[in-house]
Amino acid sequence: MSKQVDVQDLKKGMYVIDLDRPWTETSFMFQGFEIRTDAQLRELQRLCRHVYVADHEGVVGVHRGDRKTAGAAGSGAVSGGDPRQAEVLAGSLAARRGPSIHGEPIPLEAEMPEARRLEADARAIMREMEDDVRLGRNINERGLQAIVTGMVDSVVRNPDALIWFTQLRDKDEYTALHSIRVAILALAFGRHLELTVSELNILGLGALLHDIGKLKISNDILNKPGRLTDQEITIVRSHVPEGVKILESLRHIPLAAVEVAACHHERYQGGGYSRGLSGDHIGLFGLMAAIVDTYDAITSDRAYHAGISAYEALGQIYALRNKEYHGGLVDCFIQCLGTYPLGSVVELTTGDVGVVIAINRQRYLRPKVALVRRADGAPFPAGAVVDLAAGREQTSSGVEIRRVLPVGAHGIQATDYMPLVT
């Protein structure tokens, strides 16, 4: 939930998520940012009368007294001195200007049919790959690469189409579907970071195969509802080196893709596994994968925990920025998905309840919402939609999102409100 703050009361460390005017009328090209400098304060005071900041330790931060770790991400220490990696990581801490290298997205509805086909094909080839690994057969590398290429093309055209399909979950197929969702989210994240199509193909392939080592571990351990023993924890963690071993044996998997599997459990201040890396030495793809893998895992139902809302998950990850995760990349991931990600069940200030069905990339706090349940409990007619950005004046009046509800609140299933796929 955001709160309105007079610009004269702003302080460094507050996270601004909306203005009292369109972002396009300002010099701020990142729509949502943490106030870090006096120059940012002065510019906000010059342009605005008030802004909206987060009022809790949730999706985005509020003013904190202790900022000891805030500058850690800006150290610039990059493994191997890779200039491209340094460029992207530095860019995650600063506003990008100008149009995206990928152009403007096409309408969401136009991309949904292809996204549905790709997601179904990805399920089929992942099931095939699981059988191949377990039975010791050759893996269909070309088929996997073809799926990733199709996913990259779709995300470039419109990332939200495939993101909608990350709402499809089945805990009995967790490993395969988790890998597909991680690939989709990583590609959307990479597009947001302006990675090239070639880089996206490598990232997507690594993300799709990041958990391949789990196919060497018993499902009895992976799906155990209770606490794991020390020995079982060691076995589960072995999926990282086992996965690296499998991927390195394949002829057509780039080394950078292998690094996704190798580093997705490393943590920014150390303490991860299995190499014990820290900081930017983890590598760009590893830093990204750590965020995306965690996000999907904690929003998924497992035998040992119920999934939480996307909004709550982003809040938990944000609380660990510059600790377990690269701070600048966390900010970018939140901007990529939006303050209220697709599929979020929300309560409006009118008391009505609905589902976020489209992100407003200019006004993150004002997405398009499918209306489901009136304040008095009566249902809305099918197809009722409110665009929270439509006709808004530069005031705080009008309908807004009051809060995000837990997954499944009022029996609402987000997938029932996916844009129509013809």
Protein backbone atom coordinates (compact mmCIF):
# COMPACT_ATOMS: atom_id res chain seq x y z
CA MET A 1 0.00 0.00 0.00
CA SER A 2 1.31 3.46 -0.86
CA LYS A 3 0.88 6.73 0.97
CA GLN A 4 0.87 10.31 -0.29
CA VAL A 5 3.81 12.42 0.90
CA ASP A 6 4.37 16.14 0.39
CA VAL A 7 7.61 16.63 -1.53
CA GLN A 8 8.98 18.84 1.25
CA ASP A 9 8.75 15.86 3.62
CA LEU A 10 10.70 13.45 1.41
CA LYS A 11 13.93 11.92 2.70
CA LYS A 12 16.71 9.83 1.23
CA GLY A 13 15.91 6.14 1.46
CA MET A 14 12.23 6.55 0.61
CA TYR A 15 11.08 4.64 -2.45
CA VAL A 16 8.92 6.67 -4.83
CA ILE A 17 6.41 4.55 -6.75
CA ASP A 18 4.19 7.20 -8.32
CA LEU A 19 4.03 10.94 -8.89
CA ASP A 20 1.21 13.48 -8.99
CA ARG A 21 1.71 13.71 -12.76
CA PRO A 22 2.70 11.34 -15.61
CA TRP A 23 6.30 10.13 -15.54
CA THR A 24 6.66 11.19 -19.17
CA GLU A 25 6.34 14.82 -18.06
CA THR A 26 9.43 14.49 -15.85
CA SER A 27 13.12 13.70 -16.22
CA PHE A 28 12.72 10.47 -14.25
CA MET A 29 12.87 7.65 -16.77
CA PHE A 30 12.78 4.89 -14.16
CA GLN A 31 9.18 4.69 -13.02
CA GLY A 32 9.82 3.87 -9.39
CA PHE A 33 13.11 4.53 -7.63
CA GLU A 34 14.77 4.93 -4.27
CA ILE A 35 15.75 8.50 -3.39
CA ARG A 36 19.54 8.39 -3.03
CA THR A 37 20.76 11.91 -3.82
CA ASP A 38 20.06 15.56 -3.02
CA ALA A 39 19.64 16.15 -6.75
CA GLN A 40 16.74 13.69 -6.87
CA LEU A 41 15.10 15.44 -3.90
CA ARG A 42 15.47 18.84 -5.54
CA GLU A 43 14.06 17.59 -8.85
CA LEU A 44 11.03 16.03 -7.14
CA GLN A 45 10.43 19.27 -5.21
CA ARG A 46 10.70 21.28 -8.42
CA LEU A 47 8.30 19.12 -10.44
CA CYS A 48 5.74 17.84 -7.97
CA ARG A 49 3.59 18.86 -5.06
CA HIS A 50 3.31 15.33 -3.70
CA VAL A 51 4.38 11.81 -4.57
CA TYR A 52 3.43 8.31 -3.47
CA VAL A 53 5.82 6.14 -1.49
CA ALA A 54 5.49 2.71 0.10
CA ASP A 55 4.24 2.92 3.66
CA HIS A 56 5.69 -0.39 4.87
CA GLU A 57 8.63 -2.73 4.40
CA GLY A 58 6.88 -4.40 1.52
CA VAL A 59 7.31 -4.30 -2.22
CA VAL A 60 9.45 -1.21 -2.11
CA GLY A 61 11.33 0.33 0.75
CA VAL A 62 10.54 3.22 3.01
CA HIS A 63 12.94 5.48 4.84
CA ARG A 64 15.35 3.54 7.04
CA GLY A 65 17.77 4.76 9.63
CA ASP A 66 20.33 2.07 8.89
CA ARG A 67 21.61 2.21 5.32
CA LYS A 68 24.95 0.48 5.85
CA THR A 69 24.45 -2.00 3.02
CA ALA A 70 22.78 0.35 0.56
CA GLY A 71 25.92 1.16 -1.39
CA ALA A 72 27.18 -2.38 -1.70
CA ALA A 73 25.71 -2.97 -5.13
CA GLY A 74 27.54 -0.03 -6.58
CA SER A 75 31.01 -1.35 -5.85
CA GLY A 76 31.55 -2.33 -9.46
CA ALA A 77 33.50 -5.49 -8.61
CA VAL A 78 32.76 -7.75 -11.55
CA SER A 79 34.07 -11.25 -12.04
CA GLY A 80 36.65 -11.39 -14.79
CA GLY A 81 36.22 -7.68 -15.57
CA ASP A 82 33.54 -8.48 -18.16
CA PRO A 83 32.68 -5.03 -19.59
CA ARG A 84 29.22 -6.12 -20.79
CA GLN A 85 28.31 -7.47 -17.36
CA ALA A 86 29.61 -4.28 -15.75
CA GLU A 87 27.51 -2.23 -18.17
CA VAL A 88 24.26 -4.06 -17.35
CA LEU A 89 24.86 -4.08 -13.59
CA ALA A 90 25.73 -0.39 -13.62
CA GLY A 91 22.62 0.26 -15.68
CA SER A 92 20.50 -1.46 -13.03
CA LEU A 93 21.42 1.37 -10.65
CA ALA A 94 20.67 4.24 -13.01
CA ALA A 95 17.85 5.42 -15.23
CA ARG A 96 17.95 4.32 -18.85
CA ARG A 97 16.96 6.96 -21.35
CA GLY A 98 15.51 6.64 -24.80
CA PRO A 99 13.39 3.92 -26.40
CA SER A 100 13.92 0.23 -25.71
CA ILE A 101 16.17 -1.63 -28.12
CA HIS A 102 13.25 -4.05 -28.53
CA GLY A 103 10.74 -1.42 -29.57
CA GLU A 104 7.20 -0.95 -28.31
CA PRO A 105 5.30 -4.14 -27.37
CA ILE A 106 2.43 -5.29 -29.54
CA PRO A 107 -1.05 -5.54 -27.94
CA LEU A 108 -1.28 -8.24 -25.27
CA GLU A 109 -4.29 -9.91 -26.86
CA ALA A 110 -2.42 -10.29 -30.15
CA GLU A 111 0.41 -12.23 -28.49
CA MET A 112 -1.68 -14.50 -26.23
CA PRO A 113 -2.36 -17.28 -28.80
CA GLU A 114 1.35 -17.73 -29.56
CA ALA A 115 2.21 -17.57 -25.86
CA ARG A 116 -0.30 -20.35 -25.15
CA ARG A 117 1.23 -22.53 -27.88
CA LEU A 118 4.75 -21.94 -26.63
CA GLU A 119 3.86 -22.73 -23.03
CA ALA A 120 2.19 -26.00 -24.09
CA ASP A 121 5.17 -26.95 -26.26
CA ALA A 122 7.54 -26.12 -23.41
CA ARG A 123 5.64 -28.47 -21.10
CA ALA A 124 5.88 -31.27 -23.65
CA ILE A 125 9.62 -30.91 -24.24
CA MET A 126 10.36 -30.60 -20.51
CA ARG A 127 8.49 -33.86 -19.84
CA GLU A 128 10.52 -35.45 -22.66
CA MET A 129 13.75 -34.11 -21.17
CA GLU A 130 12.89 -35.44 -17.71
CA ASP A 131 12.38 -38.93 -19.15
CA ASP A 132 15.63 -38.67 -21.13
CA VAL A 133 17.68 -37.71 -18.08
CA ARG A 134 16.16 -40.38 -15.84
CA LEU A 135 16.59 -43.08 -18.48
CA GLY A 136 20.08 -42.00 -19.55
CA ARG A 137 19.06 -41.08 -23.09
CA ASN A 138 20.42 -38.22 -25.19
CA ILE A 139 18.70 -34.91 -24.46
CA ASN A 140 16.97 -33.11 -27.31
CA GLU A 141 19.17 -30.02 -27.19
CA ARG A 142 17.93 -28.61 -30.49
CA GLY A 143 14.33 -28.93 -29.36
CA LEU A 144 15.08 -27.08 -26.12
CA GLN A 145 16.88 -24.32 -28.01
CA ALA A 146 13.96 -23.97 -30.43
CA ILE A 147 11.51 -23.55 -27.57
CA VAL A 148 13.70 -20.90 -25.96
CA THR A 149 14.05 -19.04 -29.25
CA GLY A 150 10.28 -18.95 -29.57
CA MET A 151 9.92 -17.74 -25.99
CA VAL A 152 12.48 -14.98 -26.58
CA ASP A 153 10.64 -13.80 -29.69
CA SER A 154 7.34 -13.76 -27.76
CA VAL A 155 8.78 -11.84 -24.80
CA VAL A 156 10.33 -9.30 -27.15
CA ARG A 157 6.93 -8.77 -28.82
CA ASN A 158 5.06 -8.52 -25.49
CA PRO A 159 6.46 -9.92 -22.21
CA ASP A 160 3.13 -9.91 -20.39
CA ALA A 161 1.60 -12.63 -22.57
CA LEU A 162 3.95 -15.38 -21.39
CA ILE A 163 4.02 -13.91 -17.88
CA TRP A 164 0.28 -14.60 -17.71
CA PHE A 165 1.05 -18.29 -18.24
CA THR A 166 3.25 -18.36 -15.14
CA GLN A 167 -0.07 -18.32 -13.27
CA LEU A 168 -0.65 -21.93 -14.38
CA ARG A 169 0.61 -24.12 -11.55
CA ASP A 170 0.50 -27.80 -10.64
CA LYS A 171 2.50 -28.90 -7.60
CA ASP A 172 2.59 -32.46 -8.96
CA GLU A 173 4.66 -31.15 -11.89
CA TYR A 174 6.62 -28.61 -9.90
CA THR A 175 10.13 -29.13 -11.29
CA ALA A 176 9.10 -28.90 -14.96
CA LEU A 177 6.64 -26.03 -14.56
CA HIS A 178 8.92 -24.15 -12.16
CA SER A 179 11.68 -24.32 -14.77
CA ILE A 180 9.35 -22.98 -17.48
CA ARG A 181 8.16 -20.16 -15.23
CA VAL A 182 11.72 -19.26 -14.24
CA ALA A 183 12.67 -19.13 -17.93
CA ILE A 184 9.71 -16.85 -18.74
CA LEU A 185 10.39 -14.53 -15.82
CA ALA A 186 14.13 -14.43 -16.54
CA LEU A 187 13.44 -13.48 -20.16
CA ALA A 188 11.02 -10.73 -19.18
CA PHE A 189 13.61 -9.52 -16.66
CA GLY A 190 16.33 -9.61 -19.30
CA ARG A 191 14.18 -7.70 -21.77
CA HIS A 192 13.62 -5.05 -19.10
CA LEU A 193 17.41 -4.83 -18.65
CA GLU A 194 17.80 -4.33 -22.41
CA LEU A 195 19.70 -7.57 -22.98
CA THR A 196 20.15 -8.38 -26.65
CA VAL A 197 18.24 -11.19 -28.35
CA SER A 198 21.42 -13.30 -28.37
CA GLU A 199 21.91 -12.75 -24.65
CA LEU A 200 18.25 -13.53 -23.98
CA ASN A 201 18.56 -16.86 -25.79
CA ILE A 202 21.49 -17.89 -23.60
CA LEU A 203 19.82 -16.67 -20.41
CA GLY A 204 16.54 -18.39 -21.29
CA LEU A 205 18.22 -21.71 -22.03
CA GLY A 206 20.10 -21.63 -18.76
CA ALA A 207 16.96 -20.69 -16.84
CA LEU A 208 14.94 -23.48 -18.44
CA LEU A 209 17.61 -26.01 -17.43
CA HIS A 210 18.67 -24.48 -14.10
CA ASP A 211 17.17 -27.30 -12.01
CA ILE A 212 18.04 -30.21 -14.29
CA GLY A 213 20.16 -31.70 -11.49
CA LYS A 214 17.01 -32.30 -9.42
CA LEU A 215 16.13 -35.10 -11.81
CA LYS A 216 18.91 -37.07 -10.09
CA ILE A 217 17.25 -36.68 -6.68
CA SER A 218 14.41 -38.76 -5.27
CA ASN A 219 11.00 -37.09 -5.32
CA ASP A 220 10.49 -38.43 -1.80
CA ILE A 221 13.15 -35.97 -0.63
CA LEU A 222 12.20 -33.10 -2.94
CA ASN A 223 8.55 -33.28 -1.88
CA LYS A 224 9.04 -34.17 1.77
CA PRO A 225 6.46 -32.18 3.78
CA GLY A 226 8.50 -32.06 6.99
CA ARG A 227 11.91 -30.71 7.92
CA LEU A 228 14.84 -32.20 6.01
CA THR A 229 17.66 -33.93 7.85
CA ASP A 230 21.20 -32.63 7.42
CA GLN A 231 21.90 -35.52 5.07
CA GLU A 232 18.81 -34.74 3.00
CA ILE A 233 19.80 -31.07 2.78
CA THR A 234 23.18 -32.14 1.41
CA ILE A 235 21.45 -34.34 -1.14
CA VAL A 236 19.10 -31.56 -2.25
CA ARG A 237 22.00 -29.12 -2.61
CA SER A 238 23.79 -31.64 -4.80
CA HIS A 239 21.36 -30.77 -7.60
CA VAL A 240 23.59 -27.80 -8.45
CA PRO A 241 26.82 -29.70 -9.21
CA GLU A 242 24.79 -32.57 -10.69
CA GLY A 243 23.06 -30.11 -13.02
CA VAL A 244 26.34 -28.49 -14.02
CA LYS A 245 27.77 -31.93 -14.77
CA ILE A 246 24.85 -32.79 -17.05
CA LEU A 247 24.92 -29.46 -18.88
CA GLU A 248 28.67 -29.50 -19.38
CA SER A 249 28.33 -32.89 -21.05
CA LEU A 250 26.03 -31.47 -23.72
CA ARG A 251 27.48 -30.20 -26.98
CA HIS A 252 25.28 -27.20 -27.69
CA ILE A 253 24.78 -25.54 -24.29
CA PRO A 254 26.82 -22.31 -23.97
CA LEU A 255 29.01 -21.94 -20.88
CA ALA A 256 27.09 -18.78 -19.90
CA ALA A 257 23.89 -20.85 -19.79
CA VAL A 258 25.59 -23.40 -17.54
CA GLU A 259 26.42 -20.56 -15.15
CA VAL A 260 22.70 -20.05 -14.51
CA ALA A 261 22.47 -23.57 -13.10
CA ALA A 262 25.78 -23.19 -11.27
CA CYS A 263 24.96 -19.90 -9.52
CA HIS A 264 21.22 -19.66 -8.92
CA HIS A 265 21.65 -20.54 -5.23
CA GLU A 266 24.58 -18.18 -4.62
CA ARG A 267 23.80 -15.14 -2.47
CA TYR A 268 25.04 -11.58 -2.78
CA GLN A 269 26.75 -11.33 0.62
CA GLY A 270 27.84 -14.97 0.50
CA GLY A 271 26.38 -17.94 2.33
CA GLY A 272 24.88 -19.56 -0.75
CA TYR A 273 25.95 -22.73 -2.51
CA SER A 274 27.70 -24.51 -4.09
CA ARG A 275 30.72 -22.30 -4.92
CA GLY A 276 30.34 -19.84 -2.04
CA LEU A 277 30.59 -16.82 -4.35
CA SER A 278 29.56 -13.32 -3.34
CA GLY A 279 28.95 -9.89 -4.86
CA ASP A 280 29.11 -9.32 -8.58
CA HIS A 281 31.54 -12.24 -8.85
CA ILE A 282 28.43 -14.43 -8.97
CA GLY A 283 27.89 -13.14 -12.51
CA LEU A 284 24.96 -11.30 -14.05
CA PHE A 285 22.95 -14.37 -15.04
CA GLY A 286 23.51 -15.97 -11.64
CA LEU A 287 22.42 -12.80 -9.83
CA MET A 288 19.29 -12.60 -11.96
CA ALA A 289 18.51 -16.30 -11.56
CA ALA A 290 18.76 -16.08 -7.77
CA ILE A 291 16.01 -13.45 -7.71
CA VAL A 292 13.73 -15.14 -10.23
CA ASP A 293 14.14 -18.64 -8.79
CA THR A 294 13.31 -17.40 -5.28
CA TYR A 295 10.31 -15.41 -6.51
CA ASP A 296 8.73 -18.37 -8.27
CA ALA A 297 9.53 -20.80 -5.46
CA ILE A 298 7.87 -18.75 -2.74
CA THR A 299 4.79 -17.99 -4.84
CA SER A 300 4.27 -21.71 -5.56
CA ASP A 301 2.40 -24.30 -3.53
CA ARG A 302 4.70 -27.06 -2.37
CA ALA A 303 4.24 -30.05 -0.09
CA TYR A 304 5.92 -28.10 2.69
CA HIS A 305 4.47 -24.60 2.22
CA ALA A 306 1.62 -22.68 0.59
CA GLY A 307 2.53 -20.11 -2.04
CA ILE A 308 2.26 -16.42 -1.15
CA SER A 309 1.05 -13.57 -3.34
CA ALA A 310 3.37 -12.03 -5.92
CA TYR A 311 3.12 -8.70 -4.08
CA GLU A 312 4.21 -10.28 -0.79
CA ALA A 313 7.00 -12.21 -2.54
CA LEU A 314 8.42 -9.01 -4.02
CA GLY A 315 8.32 -7.49 -0.56
CA GLN A 316 10.30 -10.36 0.94
CA ILE A 317 12.90 -10.16 -1.81
CA TYR A 318 13.14 -6.39 -1.47
CA ALA A 319 13.83 -6.75 2.26
CA LEU A 320 16.90 -8.81 1.32
CA ARG A 321 18.30 -6.48 -1.34
CA ASN A 322 22.07 -5.93 -0.97
CA LYS A 323 22.05 -8.89 1.43
CA GLU A 324 21.00 -11.99 -0.45
CA TYR A 325 20.27 -10.27 -3.77
CA HIS A 326 21.86 -7.52 -5.86
CA GLY A 327 20.00 -4.35 -4.85
CA GLY A 328 19.85 -2.70 -8.26
CA LEU A 329 18.63 -5.89 -9.90
CA VAL A 330 15.93 -6.31 -7.26
CA ASP A 331 14.67 -2.82 -8.06
CA CYS A 332 14.65 -3.63 -11.76
CA PHE A 333 12.80 -6.91 -11.21
CA ILE A 334 10.07 -5.09 -9.29
CA GLN A 335 9.82 -2.53 -12.09
CA CYS A 336 9.67 -5.37 -14.61
CA LEU A 337 6.68 -7.07 -12.94
CA GLY A 338 5.01 -3.92 -11.65
CA THR A 339 4.03 -2.93 -8.13
CA TYR A 340 0.93 -5.10 -8.51
CA PRO A 341 1.95 -8.02 -10.75
CA LEU A 342 -0.40 -9.68 -13.22
CA GLY A 343 -2.86 -11.97 -11.48
CA SER A 344 -2.80 -10.11 -8.15
CA VAL A 345 -6.13 -10.22 -6.32
CA VAL A 346 -6.75 -6.69 -5.07
CA GLU A 347 -9.28 -4.74 -3.04
CA LEU A 348 -10.06 -1.25 -4.31
CA THR A 349 -10.83 1.82 -2.23
CA THR A 350 -14.48 1.26 -3.19
CA GLY A 351 -14.42 -2.11 -1.43
CA ASP A 352 -14.77 -3.93 -4.75
CA VAL A 353 -12.43 -6.86 -5.40
CA GLY A 354 -10.78 -7.76 -8.68
CA VAL A 355 -7.78 -9.22 -10.48
CA VAL A 356 -4.94 -7.23 -12.09
CA ILE A 357 -5.07 -8.12 -15.77
CA ALA A 358 -2.76 -5.52 -17.35
CA ILE A 359 0.17 -3.44 -16.08
CA ASN A 360 0.33 0.27 -16.80
CA ARG A 361 4.00 0.81 -17.62
CA GLN A 362 3.58 4.58 -17.16
CA ARG A 363 1.66 4.45 -13.88
CA TYR A 364 2.56 1.34 -11.91
CA LEU A 365 0.01 2.02 -9.17
CA ARG A 366 -2.84 2.17 -11.69
CA PRO A 367 -3.17 -1.12 -13.56
CA LYS A 368 -6.23 -2.47 -15.34
CA VAL A 369 -8.39 -4.62 -13.05
CA ALA A 370 -11.05 -7.20 -13.88
CA LEU A 371 -13.86 -6.61 -11.40
CA VAL A 372 -15.03 -9.79 -9.68
CA ARG A 373 -16.85 -9.04 -6.42
CA ARG A 374 -18.69 -5.93 -5.25
CA ALA A 375 -18.16 -4.48 -1.79
CA ASP A 376 -21.47 -6.03 -0.70
CA GLY A 377 -20.38 -9.47 -1.91
CA ALA A 378 -22.46 -9.50 -5.08
CA PRO A 379 -20.65 -10.60 -8.26
CA PHE A 380 -19.88 -8.28 -11.12
CA PRO A 381 -21.14 -9.28 -14.57
CA ALA A 382 -18.60 -11.13 -16.71
CA GLY A 383 -16.22 -8.82 -18.52
CA ALA A 384 -16.43 -5.91 -16.08
CA VAL A 385 -13.09 -4.08 -16.12
CA VAL A 386 -11.82 -0.83 -14.62
CA ASP A 387 -8.74 0.98 -15.88
CA LEU A 388 -7.43 2.77 -12.79
CA ALA A 389 -5.44 5.20 -14.94
CA ALA A 390 -8.34 6.26 -17.16
CA GLY A 391 -9.36 9.87 -16.83
CA ARG A 392 -7.35 10.44 -13.68
CA GLU A 393 -6.72 14.06 -12.76
CA GLN A 394 -3.53 15.07 -10.98
CA THR A 395 -5.10 14.55 -7.55
CA SER A 396 -5.42 11.72 -5.09
CA SER A 397 -9.14 11.38 -5.75
CA GLY A 398 -10.54 8.45 -7.68
CA VAL A 399 -10.42 4.72 -7.29
CA GLU A 400 -7.14 3.18 -6.16
CA ILE A 401 -5.89 -0.14 -4.90
CA ARG A 402 -6.31 -0.33 -1.14
CA ARG A 403 -4.54 -3.63 -0.54
CA VAL A 404 -3.50 -6.93 -2.08
CA LEU A 405 -5.44 -9.94 -0.86
CA PRO A 406 -4.02 -13.42 -0.19
CA VAL A 407 -3.89 -15.95 -2.99
CA GLY A 408 -7.31 -17.54 -3.43
CA ALA A 409 -9.17 -14.87 -1.44
CA HIS A 410 -12.96 -15.14 -1.92
CA GLY A 411 -12.31 -18.26 -4.03
CA ILE A 412 -10.94 -16.13 -6.87
CA GLN A 413 -8.61 -17.88 -9.33
CA ALA A 414 -6.53 -15.40 -11.32
CA THR A 415 -6.35 -17.69 -14.34
CA ASP A 416 -10.12 -17.35 -14.80
CA TYR A 417 -9.45 -13.74 -15.84
CA MET A 418 -6.62 -14.21 -18.31
CA PRO A 419 -7.10 -12.20 -21.50
CA LEU A 420 -9.11 -14.20 -24.01
CA VAL A 421 -7.03 -16.55 -26.16
CA THR A 422 -8.62 -17.24 -29.52
